[in-house]
């Protein structure tokens, strides 16, 4: 049965269709049938479509979703491009893209006739189209007074050059925006550096622990919605909520990128936020293979910070990770610190990409900094049990433990230790 969910009280006219709820797991037939039904009724004939999908750091049955979308659009649209929303992550190789989207290397056309696939080449200035500027006064309003400056809005030109931008991807608790998905696939997914930096720094000023898992329109969500309002293409989305630990789907919502996100966020809050009765002093967060450096694997900390007791420790257990950041080596120059460490020394750090500063604060968590004494006090200890050398961990202002010394079976039997498998997507909070 297809239900209809209101987009937001401020605009009840726009609605999203949805099947599924927090208590169900949909069949492949239900999902593909829903996609076919929704796109059959959509005004796409003769138009070009840019399909924006996540990279490999998000979990969902993407091949099934893309196959269903392609089947519903092929023969009706004038052009079809699938764009990988990397943000500023590493590009996906051809082999990785083939696994990610469900085709054999070198045989894209046989599986998806007429469809082009491309990474968001964020490192190339020619990638972007200029959509204009968000005025300083408007940013002050959107950020609730936290920042006042003009924000250039640059977006991957593939989105601008197609008639329809169709987002296809999961909705999850997120450390910067609250709940991911929807217009976040544009900003920062396929956006330029300025709006990435500003949006992430607003989130850092609020702090990850406060904003993560918030279903309302946070200041960061308000900013990316403002940026999306400048996108000339029609913006539609299939927003899905995956079953934690599997490729099953609890729900799929369709509508514009605001209404479909709102619908999916309701389900996400019920399925991907788990509650503990009391804080824990020691966490071993088992980081899955899909995160290939600490920059991405840090989600294993973000999702656990709210339940860790003062003075407690989060151990990021990831033997496969050998680098702090592949794309952002500058993080080693500044290290990981709390928000106030940067805010109270702004003249020293304002030249660093604000997205990098934000990432630093997100992984280091809550703390204080005394500018007079130079003392930084951090609420939680963050320790790496990875393939990264001890010297590099210390340089980054993180703890180190030999990965070989971690016995997961023994830790699971220890009442003082909370072991979280497949960490990074489910948020833990205290009741």
Protein backbone atom coordinates (compact mmCIF):
# COMPACT_ATOMS: atom_id res chain seq x y z
CA UNK A 1 0.00 0.00 0.00
CA UNK A 2 1.32 3.47 -0.90
CA UNK A 3 0.94 6.10 1.81
CA UNK A 4 1.31 9.84 1.46
CA UNK A 5 3.35 11.90 3.89
CA UNK A 6 3.27 15.65 4.28
CA UNK A 7 6.52 17.40 3.39
CA UNK A 8 6.41 19.98 6.20
CA UNK A 9 3.78 22.06 8.03
CA UNK A 10 4.96 25.17 6.21
CA UNK A 11 4.14 23.68 2.82
CA UNK A 12 1.44 21.04 3.09
CA UNK A 13 0.71 21.24 -0.64
CA UNK A 14 3.78 19.21 -1.58
CA UNK A 15 3.65 15.59 -0.57
CA UNK A 16 5.73 12.45 -0.94
CA UNK A 17 4.50 8.97 -1.77
CA UNK A 18 5.97 6.22 0.41
CA UNK A 19 5.75 2.49 0.88
CA UNK A 20 7.08 0.83 4.00
CA UNK A 21 7.53 1.87 7.62
CA UNK A 22 9.95 1.24 10.51
CA UNK A 23 8.46 -2.20 11.17
CA UNK A 24 8.57 -3.70 7.68
CA UNK A 25 11.19 -4.90 5.22
CA UNK A 26 10.09 -4.49 1.63
CA UNK A 27 10.50 -7.14 -1.06
CA UNK A 28 12.40 -6.44 -4.27
CA UNK A 29 9.11 -6.64 -6.15
CA UNK A 30 7.54 -4.01 -3.91
CA UNK A 31 10.46 -1.61 -4.35
CA UNK A 32 10.83 -2.02 -8.11
CA UNK A 33 7.08 -1.85 -8.58
CA UNK A 34 6.92 1.39 -6.60
CA UNK A 35 9.72 2.94 -8.67
CA UNK A 36 8.04 1.90 -11.92
CA UNK A 37 4.68 3.27 -10.74
CA UNK A 38 6.07 6.62 -9.64
CA UNK A 39 8.18 7.22 -12.74
CA UNK A 40 5.39 6.09 -15.05
CA UNK A 41 3.35 9.00 -13.74
CA UNK A 42 6.25 11.48 -13.87
CA UNK A 43 6.69 14.01 -16.66
CA UNK A 44 10.01 12.74 -18.02
CA UNK A 45 9.33 11.97 -21.69
CA UNK A 46 11.85 13.61 -24.01
CA UNK A 47 13.75 15.14 -21.10
CA UNK A 48 17.31 14.52 -19.92
CA UNK A 49 17.84 13.05 -16.45
CA UNK A 50 20.85 13.23 -14.14
CA UNK A 51 20.68 10.47 -11.51
CA UNK A 52 22.69 11.41 -8.41
CA UNK A 53 23.72 8.44 -6.26
CA UNK A 54 26.00 7.95 -3.21
CA UNK A 55 29.53 6.61 -3.32
CA UNK A 56 30.65 3.41 -1.64
CA UNK A 57 30.51 4.88 1.88
CA UNK A 58 26.74 4.48 2.07
CA UNK A 59 24.82 1.20 2.36
CA UNK A 60 21.76 0.42 0.26
CA UNK A 61 20.78 -2.00 -2.54
CA UNK A 62 21.93 0.49 -5.16
CA UNK A 63 22.15 -1.90 -8.14
CA UNK A 64 18.51 -2.89 -7.63
CA UNK A 65 17.42 0.74 -7.34
CA UNK A 66 19.39 1.92 -10.37
CA UNK A 67 18.17 -1.00 -12.48
CA UNK A 68 14.58 -0.14 -11.64
CA UNK A 69 15.10 3.56 -12.37
CA UNK A 70 16.88 2.81 -15.65
CA UNK A 71 14.15 0.40 -16.72
CA UNK A 72 11.48 3.03 -16.05
CA UNK A 73 13.34 5.79 -17.92
CA UNK A 74 15.03 3.99 -20.83
CA UNK A 75 13.33 4.74 -24.13
CA UNK A 76 11.47 7.71 -22.65
CA UNK A 77 14.22 10.19 -21.81
CA UNK A 78 16.59 11.96 -24.19
CA UNK A 79 19.70 11.35 -22.08
CA UNK A 80 20.60 9.67 -18.80
CA UNK A 81 23.70 10.30 -16.67
CA UNK A 82 24.49 8.71 -13.31
CA UNK A 83 26.66 10.99 -11.20
CA UNK A 84 28.48 9.68 -8.11
CA UNK A 85 28.12 12.14 -5.23
CA UNK A 86 31.65 11.99 -3.83
CA UNK A 87 31.60 15.23 -1.87
CA UNK A 88 35.38 15.40 -1.48
CA UNK A 89 35.93 11.64 -1.14
CA UNK A 90 38.25 9.67 -3.40
CA UNK A 91 36.94 8.87 -6.92
CA UNK A 92 35.66 5.37 -7.52
CA UNK A 93 37.60 3.21 -9.98
CA UNK A 94 35.87 1.51 -12.91
CA UNK A 95 35.94 -1.80 -11.02
CA UNK A 96 34.45 -0.14 -7.93
CA UNK A 97 31.78 1.60 -10.01
CA UNK A 98 30.84 -1.70 -11.64
CA UNK A 99 30.39 -3.38 -8.24
CA UNK A 100 28.59 -0.35 -6.87
CA UNK A 101 26.05 -0.09 -9.68
CA UNK A 102 25.78 -3.74 -10.63
CA UNK A 103 27.40 -4.20 -14.04
CA UNK A 104 30.47 -6.00 -15.36
CA UNK A 105 33.59 -3.97 -16.00
CA UNK A 106 33.60 -2.82 -19.61
CA UNK A 107 29.96 -3.77 -20.12
CA UNK A 108 28.04 -0.76 -18.82
CA UNK A 109 26.11 -0.36 -22.07
CA UNK A 110 24.91 -3.96 -22.00
CA UNK A 111 23.41 -3.57 -18.51
CA UNK A 112 22.35 0.07 -18.73
CA UNK A 113 21.85 1.00 -22.40
CA UNK A 114 22.17 4.71 -23.04
CA UNK A 115 23.38 5.56 -19.53
CA UNK A 116 26.63 7.39 -18.82
CA UNK A 117 28.35 7.03 -15.41
CA UNK A 118 30.78 9.56 -13.99
CA UNK A 119 32.43 10.51 -10.71
CA UNK A 120 31.93 14.00 -9.33
CA UNK A 121 35.37 15.40 -10.19
CA UNK A 122 35.53 17.90 -7.34
CA UNK A 123 39.27 18.48 -7.90
CA UNK A 124 38.68 19.93 -11.40
CA UNK A 125 37.40 23.55 -11.60
CA UNK A 126 35.89 22.78 -15.00
CA UNK A 127 33.45 20.43 -13.25
CA UNK A 128 31.39 23.28 -11.85
CA UNK A 129 28.66 25.65 -12.95
CA UNK A 130 28.12 28.92 -11.08
CA UNK A 131 24.57 29.14 -9.70
CA UNK A 132 25.00 32.50 -7.99
CA UNK A 133 25.57 33.64 -4.43
CA UNK A 134 23.71 33.38 -1.14
CA UNK A 135 23.91 36.91 0.35
CA UNK A 136 25.57 37.48 3.73
CA UNK A 137 22.32 38.68 5.28
CA UNK A 138 20.54 35.50 4.16
CA UNK A 139 23.31 33.27 5.53
CA UNK A 140 23.05 35.06 8.87
CA UNK A 141 19.34 34.23 8.89
CA UNK A 142 19.80 30.61 7.85
CA UNK A 143 22.63 29.99 10.31
CA UNK A 144 20.75 31.67 13.17
CA UNK A 145 23.45 34.29 13.46
CA UNK A 146 26.44 31.97 13.51
CA UNK A 147 27.99 33.22 10.24
CA UNK A 148 27.61 36.33 8.10
CA UNK A 149 29.29 36.13 4.70
CA UNK A 150 28.46 35.65 1.03
CA UNK A 151 28.48 32.04 -0.13
CA UNK A 152 29.24 31.24 -3.79
CA UNK A 153 27.11 28.31 -4.95
CA UNK A 154 28.98 26.07 -7.36
CA UNK A 155 27.49 22.76 -8.53
CA UNK A 156 28.51 19.96 -10.85
CA UNK A 157 27.49 21.18 -14.30
CA UNK A 158 25.99 17.78 -15.19
CA UNK A 159 23.12 18.56 -12.81
CA UNK A 160 22.57 21.95 -14.41
CA UNK A 161 22.77 20.62 -17.96
CA UNK A 162 19.99 18.06 -17.47
CA UNK A 163 16.29 18.83 -17.26
CA UNK A 164 15.70 16.62 -14.21
CA UNK A 165 17.97 15.85 -11.25
CA UNK A 166 16.90 12.57 -9.66
CA UNK A 167 18.48 11.70 -6.32
CA UNK A 168 18.55 7.98 -5.48
CA UNK A 169 20.02 7.01 -2.13
CA UNK A 170 19.71 6.30 1.59
CA UNK A 171 18.80 8.56 4.49
CA UNK A 172 20.90 8.19 7.66
CA UNK A 173 21.72 10.08 10.87
CA UNK A 174 24.44 12.57 9.97
CA UNK A 175 26.96 14.53 12.01
CA UNK A 176 26.74 17.75 9.96
CA UNK A 177 23.16 18.09 8.81
CA UNK A 178 21.17 15.97 11.29
CA UNK A 179 19.63 13.43 8.92
CA UNK A 180 21.31 12.95 5.53
CA UNK A 181 19.72 12.57 2.11
CA UNK A 182 17.57 14.73 -0.15
CA UNK A 183 19.27 17.97 -1.13
CA UNK A 184 22.42 16.90 0.68
CA UNK A 185 23.24 14.89 -2.44
CA UNK A 186 23.72 18.25 -4.17
CA UNK A 187 25.42 20.05 -1.28
CA UNK A 188 28.02 18.78 -0.47
CA UNK A 189 27.55 15.70 -2.68
CA UNK A 190 28.36 17.38 -6.00
CA UNK A 191 29.11 20.92 -4.83
CA UNK A 192 32.02 23.35 -4.83
CA UNK A 193 34.32 23.94 -1.87
CA UNK A 194 32.82 27.20 -0.56
CA UNK A 195 29.38 25.92 0.32
CA UNK A 196 30.89 22.67 1.60
CA UNK A 197 33.14 24.61 3.97
CA UNK A 198 30.41 26.94 5.21
CA UNK A 199 27.80 24.23 5.73
CA UNK A 200 30.24 21.97 7.58
CA UNK A 201 31.51 24.77 9.80
CA UNK A 202 27.98 25.75 10.79
CA UNK A 203 27.46 22.11 11.80
CA UNK A 204 30.72 22.16 13.76
CA UNK A 205 29.70 25.32 15.60
CA UNK A 206 26.47 23.61 16.64
CA UNK A 207 28.52 20.40 17.37
CA UNK A 208 27.98 16.92 16.04
CA UNK A 209 26.62 15.56 19.32
CA UNK A 210 23.83 18.14 19.29
CA UNK A 211 22.85 18.05 15.63
CA UNK A 212 23.25 14.37 14.71
CA UNK A 213 19.96 12.52 14.21
CA UNK A 214 17.84 15.69 14.24
CA UNK A 215 14.82 15.24 11.96
CA UNK A 216 13.87 18.91 11.85
CA UNK A 217 15.27 21.40 9.34
CA UNK A 218 18.57 22.26 11.03
CA UNK A 219 20.51 25.43 10.08
CA UNK A 220 22.74 23.26 7.88
CA UNK A 221 19.72 21.68 6.17
CA UNK A 222 18.25 25.16 5.70
CA UNK A 223 21.46 26.28 3.96
CA UNK A 224 21.61 23.33 1.57
CA UNK A 225 17.92 23.75 0.78
CA UNK A 226 18.67 27.39 -0.05
CA UNK A 227 21.47 26.31 -2.36
CA UNK A 228 19.19 23.74 -3.99
CA UNK A 229 16.61 26.45 -4.72
CA UNK A 230 19.15 27.86 -7.22
CA UNK A 231 19.37 24.57 -9.17
CA UNK A 232 17.49 25.07 -12.47
CA UNK A 233 16.69 21.39 -12.97
CA UNK A 234 13.51 19.83 -11.61
CA UNK A 235 14.58 18.07 -8.40
CA UNK A 236 13.09 14.66 -7.55
CA UNK A 237 14.24 11.92 -5.20
CA UNK A 238 13.83 8.31 -4.21
CA UNK A 239 14.88 8.39 -0.56
CA UNK A 240 15.31 4.97 1.04
CA UNK A 241 15.82 3.76 4.58
CA UNK A 242 17.85 0.57 4.66
CA UNK A 243 17.61 -2.10 7.32
CA UNK A 244 20.70 -1.77 9.53
CA UNK A 245 23.18 -4.55 8.82
CA UNK A 246 21.54 -5.70 5.60
CA UNK A 247 20.58 -4.54 2.13
CA UNK A 248 16.87 -4.77 2.87
CA UNK A 249 14.75 -1.61 2.81
CA UNK A 250 12.31 -0.46 5.45
CA UNK A 251 10.86 2.20 3.17
CA UNK A 252 11.19 4.14 -0.06
CA UNK A 253 9.76 7.63 -0.55
CA UNK A 254 9.32 9.59 -3.78
CA UNK A 255 8.62 13.23 -4.44
CA UNK A 256 10.59 16.43 -4.64
CA UNK A 257 13.89 16.43 -2.78
CA UNK A 258 12.42 18.13 0.29
CA UNK A 259 9.21 16.17 0.68
CA UNK A 260 10.78 12.76 0.00
CA UNK A 261 13.59 13.49 2.48
CA UNK A 262 11.12 14.53 5.18
CA UNK A 263 9.12 11.35 4.66
CA UNK A 264 12.21 9.12 4.85
CA UNK A 265 13.68 11.00 7.83
CA UNK A 266 10.65 9.99 9.91
CA UNK A 267 11.39 6.33 9.26
CA UNK A 268 15.14 6.76 9.74
CA UNK A 269 14.66 8.28 13.19
CA UNK A 270 12.71 5.20 14.24
CA UNK A 271 15.09 2.61 12.74
CA UNK A 272 18.59 4.09 12.96
CA UNK A 273 18.59 5.67 16.41
CA UNK A 274 19.09 3.16 19.23
CA UNK A 275 18.79 4.12 22.89
CA UNK A 276 20.79 3.02 25.92
CA UNK A 277 19.61 3.32 29.52
CA UNK A 278 22.98 4.43 30.88
CA UNK A 279 26.27 5.83 29.52
CA UNK A 280 29.14 3.47 28.73
CA UNK A 281 32.77 4.03 29.66
CA UNK A 282 34.48 2.01 26.91
CA UNK A 283 33.36 1.45 23.34
CA UNK A 284 34.99 -0.63 20.63
CA UNK A 285 33.55 0.64 17.38
CA UNK A 286 34.18 -1.94 14.64
CA UNK A 287 34.59 0.07 11.45
CA UNK A 288 33.43 -1.75 8.28
CA UNK A 289 35.50 -2.20 5.12
CA UNK A 290 33.49 0.39 3.17
CA UNK A 291 35.36 3.12 5.05
CA UNK A 292 38.93 3.19 3.75
CA UNK A 293 40.45 5.95 5.91
CA UNK A 294 39.73 7.72 9.19
CA UNK A 295 38.15 10.64 7.33
CA UNK A 296 35.25 8.36 6.41
CA UNK A 297 35.63 5.78 9.18
CA UNK A 298 35.24 8.47 11.83
CA UNK A 299 31.50 7.84 11.55
CA UNK A 300 32.22 5.04 13.99
CA UNK A 301 32.86 7.76 16.57
CA UNK A 302 30.17 10.27 15.59
CA UNK A 303 27.40 7.72 16.07
CA UNK A 304 28.68 6.67 19.53
CA UNK A 305 29.80 9.92 21.16
CA UNK A 306 26.38 10.72 22.72
CA UNK A 307 26.39 7.55 24.89
CA UNK A 308 29.99 7.69 26.16
CA UNK A 309 30.47 8.73 29.79
CA UNK A 310 32.65 11.70 30.67
CA UNK A 311 36.26 10.48 30.65
CA UNK A 312 35.31 7.41 28.64
CA UNK A 313 36.98 6.03 25.54
CA UNK A 314 35.99 5.13 21.99
CA UNK A 315 38.34 2.73 20.21
CA UNK A 316 37.98 2.77 16.43
CA UNK A 317 38.85 -0.81 15.49
CA UNK A 318 39.77 -0.94 11.79
CA UNK A 319 42.76 -3.14 10.91
CA UNK A 320 42.18 -2.43 7.21
CA UNK A 321 42.65 1.35 7.54
CA UNK A 322 46.23 2.54 6.97
CA UNK A 323 45.72 6.29 6.41
CA UNK A 324 44.15 9.14 8.34
CA UNK A 325 42.92 10.76 5.12
CA UNK A 326 43.53 9.96 1.47
CA UNK A 327 42.02 13.19 0.09
CA UNK A 328 42.81 15.59 2.95
CA UNK A 329 46.38 15.16 4.23
CA UNK A 330 46.17 18.64 5.76
CA UNK A 331 44.31 17.09 8.71
CA UNK A 332 47.69 15.80 9.93
CA UNK A 333 48.99 19.38 10.04
CA UNK A 334 46.26 20.60 12.38
CA UNK A 335 45.35 17.37 14.17
CA UNK A 336 42.04 16.56 15.87
CA UNK A 337 40.69 19.09 18.38
CA UNK A 338 37.47 20.29 19.93
CA UNK A 339 35.49 23.19 18.48
CA UNK A 340 36.75 25.83 20.93
CA UNK A 341 40.38 25.01 20.12
CA UNK A 342 39.79 26.50 16.67
CA UNK A 343 37.24 29.18 17.56
CA UNK A 344 39.51 30.70 20.23
CA UNK A 345 42.49 30.69 17.86
CA UNK A 346 40.64 31.70 14.70
CA UNK A 347 43.40 33.89 13.29
CA UNK A 348 45.65 30.84 13.33
CA UNK A 349 43.24 28.46 11.57
CA UNK A 350 40.79 30.43 9.41
CA UNK A 351 42.90 29.81 6.28
CA UNK A 352 42.37 26.01 6.55
CA UNK A 353 39.39 24.58 4.67
CA UNK A 354 36.53 24.86 7.13
CA UNK A 355 35.32 21.42 6.12
CA UNK A 356 38.63 20.04 7.39
CA UNK A 357 38.29 21.97 10.65
CA UNK A 358 34.75 20.66 11.03
CA UNK A 359 35.85 17.06 10.48
CA UNK A 360 38.52 17.57 13.15
CA UNK A 361 35.96 18.72 15.71
CA UNK A 362 33.51 15.97 14.82
CA UNK A 363 36.00 13.20 15.56
CA UNK A 364 37.48 14.82 18.67
CA UNK A 365 34.08 15.56 20.15
CA UNK A 366 33.17 17.85 23.01
CA UNK A 367 35.81 19.73 24.95
CA UNK A 368 37.09 23.09 26.12
CA UNK A 369 40.13 25.22 25.34
CA UNK A 370 41.71 27.88 27.55
CA UNK A 371 43.39 30.43 25.28
CA UNK A 372 45.44 31.87 28.12
CA UNK A 373 47.00 28.60 29.26
CA UNK A 374 46.80 26.71 25.97
CA UNK A 375 45.13 23.80 27.75
CA UNK A 376 42.63 21.68 25.85
CA UNK A 377 40.35 19.41 27.85
CA UNK A 378 38.47 16.73 25.93
CA UNK A 379 35.41 14.93 27.23
CA UNK A 380 36.14 11.56 25.58
CA UNK A 381 39.34 9.77 24.63
CA UNK A 382 39.55 8.68 20.97
CA UNK A 383 41.92 5.77 20.24
CA UNK A 384 42.82 4.19 16.91
CA UNK A 385 43.32 0.43 16.60
CA UNK A 386 44.22 0.46 12.91
CA UNK A 387 47.09 -0.03 10.50
CA UNK A 388 48.14 3.60 11.02
CA UNK A 389 51.55 3.93 12.76
CA UNK A 390 51.59 5.14 16.37
CA UNK A 391 53.64 8.23 15.51
CA UNK A 392 51.00 9.36 13.03
CA UNK A 393 48.18 8.79 15.50
CA UNK A 394 49.97 10.87 18.16
CA UNK A 395 50.72 13.57 15.60
CA UNK A 396 47.00 13.76 14.85
CA UNK A 397 46.25 14.13 18.59
CA UNK A 398 44.61 10.71 18.77
CA UNK A 399 45.34 7.73 20.97
CA UNK A 400 46.96 4.55 19.70
CA UNK A 401 46.65 0.88 20.61
CA UNK A 402 48.22 -2.07 18.81
CA UNK A 403 45.43 -3.62 16.77
CA UNK A 404 46.78 -7.10 17.61
CA UNK A 405 46.10 -6.47 21.29
CA UNK A 406 42.35 -6.16 20.72
CA UNK A 407 40.42 -9.37 21.40
CA UNK A 408 36.88 -8.71 20.18
CA UNK A 409 35.46 -11.92 21.64
CA UNK A 410 36.87 -11.09 25.07
CA UNK A 411 35.66 -7.51 24.77
CA UNK A 412 32.13 -8.66 23.98
CA UNK A 413 32.15 -10.74 27.17
CA UNK A 414 33.37 -7.78 29.22
CA UNK A 415 30.50 -5.99 30.95
CA UNK A 416 32.52 -2.76 30.97
CA UNK A 417 32.95 -2.70 27.17
CA UNK A 418 30.31 -1.93 24.54
CA UNK A 419 31.27 -3.54 21.21
CA UNK A 420 29.47 -2.14 18.18
CA UNK A 421 29.81 -4.21 14.97
CA UNK A 422 29.43 -2.57 11.56
CA UNK A 423 29.61 0.87 13.17
CA UNK A 424 28.93 4.09 11.31
CA UNK A 425 25.27 4.12 10.31
CA UNK A 426 23.23 3.52 13.49
CA UNK A 427 23.23 6.39 15.99
CA UNK A 428 23.28 5.60 19.71
CA UNK A 429 21.70 7.98 22.23
CA UNK A 430 20.78 7.91 25.90
CA UNK A 431 17.13 7.70 26.87
